[in-house]
Protein backbone atom coordinates (compact mmCIF):
# COMPACT_ATOMS: atom_id res chain seq x y z
CA MET A 1 179.31 -85.39 -31.47
CA ARG A 2 178.23 -85.34 -27.56
CA LEU A 3 177.48 -82.01 -26.21
CA LYS A 4 178.98 -81.09 -22.96
CA ARG A 5 176.21 -80.97 -20.63
CA PRO A 6 178.19 -80.23 -17.31
CA THR A 7 180.08 -77.28 -19.45
CA HIS A 8 176.03 -75.53 -20.01
CA PHE A 9 175.20 -75.90 -16.86
CA LEU A 10 177.70 -73.88 -15.18
CA ALA A 11 176.94 -70.56 -17.23
CA LEU A 12 173.31 -70.80 -17.10
CA THR A 13 174.28 -71.36 -13.04
CA LEU A 14 176.71 -68.62 -13.36
CA ILE A 15 174.13 -66.91 -15.89
CA THR A 16 171.26 -67.35 -12.82
CA PHE A 17 173.11 -65.94 -10.31
CA ALA A 18 174.71 -63.22 -12.07
CA LEU A 19 171.49 -62.29 -12.85
CA SER A 20 169.91 -62.85 -9.30
CA ALA A 21 172.35 -59.38 -8.07
CA CYS A 22 171.53 -57.40 -10.49
CA ALA A 23 167.26 -58.38 -9.55
CA GLN A 24 168.66 -56.30 -5.29
CA LEU A 25 169.64 -53.37 -6.56
CA SER A 26 166.97 -51.69 -4.44
CA GLN A 27 168.44 -53.01 -1.05
CA ILE A 28 171.51 -49.99 -0.61
CA PRO A 29 173.92 -51.77 1.69
CA VAL A 30 174.98 -48.68 4.38
CA SER A 31 177.97 -49.17 3.96
CA SER A 32 177.86 -47.87 -0.22
CA LEU A 33 176.37 -44.06 0.66
CA GLY A 34 180.07 -42.87 1.06
CA GLU A 35 179.17 -41.36 4.51
CA ASP A 36 179.69 -42.04 7.84
CA ASP A 37 176.77 -40.33 9.52
CA ASP A 38 178.46 -40.66 13.73
CA ALA A 39 181.95 -39.34 12.09
CA ILE A 40 180.00 -36.21 10.85
CA CYS A 41 177.48 -36.25 13.17
CA ARG A 42 180.27 -36.05 16.01
CA ALA A 43 181.94 -33.55 13.78
CA ASN A 44 179.58 -31.24 15.74
CA ASN A 45 181.51 -31.08 18.93
CA VAL A 46 179.09 -32.75 20.31
CA ALA A 47 178.41 -35.99 23.06
CA VAL A 48 177.55 -39.10 21.65
CA GLY A 49 173.62 -39.67 23.26
CA SER A 50 173.51 -36.91 23.94
CA PRO A 51 169.29 -35.21 22.58
CA GLU A 52 171.41 -32.72 19.86
CA TYR A 53 173.41 -36.08 18.81
CA VAL A 54 170.56 -38.20 18.88
CA ALA A 55 168.24 -35.71 16.61
CA CYS A 56 171.28 -35.76 13.87
CA ARG A 57 171.37 -39.46 13.47
CA LYS A 58 167.40 -39.12 13.09
CA ASP A 59 167.88 -36.46 10.14
CA ARG A 60 170.53 -38.86 9.04
CA ASP A 61 168.64 -41.67 9.16
CA VAL A 62 165.76 -38.80 7.18
CA ILE A 63 168.18 -37.21 4.72
CA ARG A 64 169.28 -41.29 3.08
CA ASN A 65 165.71 -42.47 3.01
CA ASN A 66 164.08 -40.20 1.45
CA ALA A 67 167.32 -40.29 -0.95
CA ALA A 68 166.10 -44.23 -1.65
CA ALA A 69 162.88 -43.25 -2.06
CA ARG A 70 163.38 -40.88 -4.79
CA ALA A 71 165.40 -43.21 -6.88
CA ASP A 72 162.90 -45.59 -5.76
CA ARG A 73 159.99 -43.24 -7.42
CA ARG A 74 162.19 -42.15 -10.56
CA GLN A 75 163.05 -46.32 -11.61
CA ARG A 76 159.40 -46.08 -11.11
CA ASP A 77 158.30 -43.61 -13.44
CA LEU A 78 160.94 -44.47 -16.18
CA GLY A 79 159.03 -47.96 -16.19
CA GLU A 80 156.16 -46.61 -17.12
CA TYR A 81 158.01 -43.97 -19.14
CA MET A 82 158.58 -47.07 -21.23
CA LEU A 83 156.11 -48.61 -21.42
CA ASN A 84 153.41 -46.22 -22.20
CA ASN A 85 156.20 -44.48 -25.09
CA PRO A 86 157.18 -47.87 -26.88
CA VAL A 87 160.08 -47.48 -29.31
CA ARG A 88 159.47 -49.44 -32.66
CA PRO A 89 162.63 -49.21 -35.11
């Protein structure tokens, strides 16, 4: 019986694409955070380009970067814990 090589190759390619998407997990797009920095800063009744608006946007960037760093640190800590405390059945 002859093997279906193109089918296996196609399945392997699809699995490779699916796994490569998981590798980009740490890069969070801005739109996925569910918040619009411009709308939040404008809600404080400040004009776009004013020092208060710029400070608000900088604060939002700091908050976002801290959250991403915290998530990365928690993931790294979990990996280290799993390496140092293996569970053997």
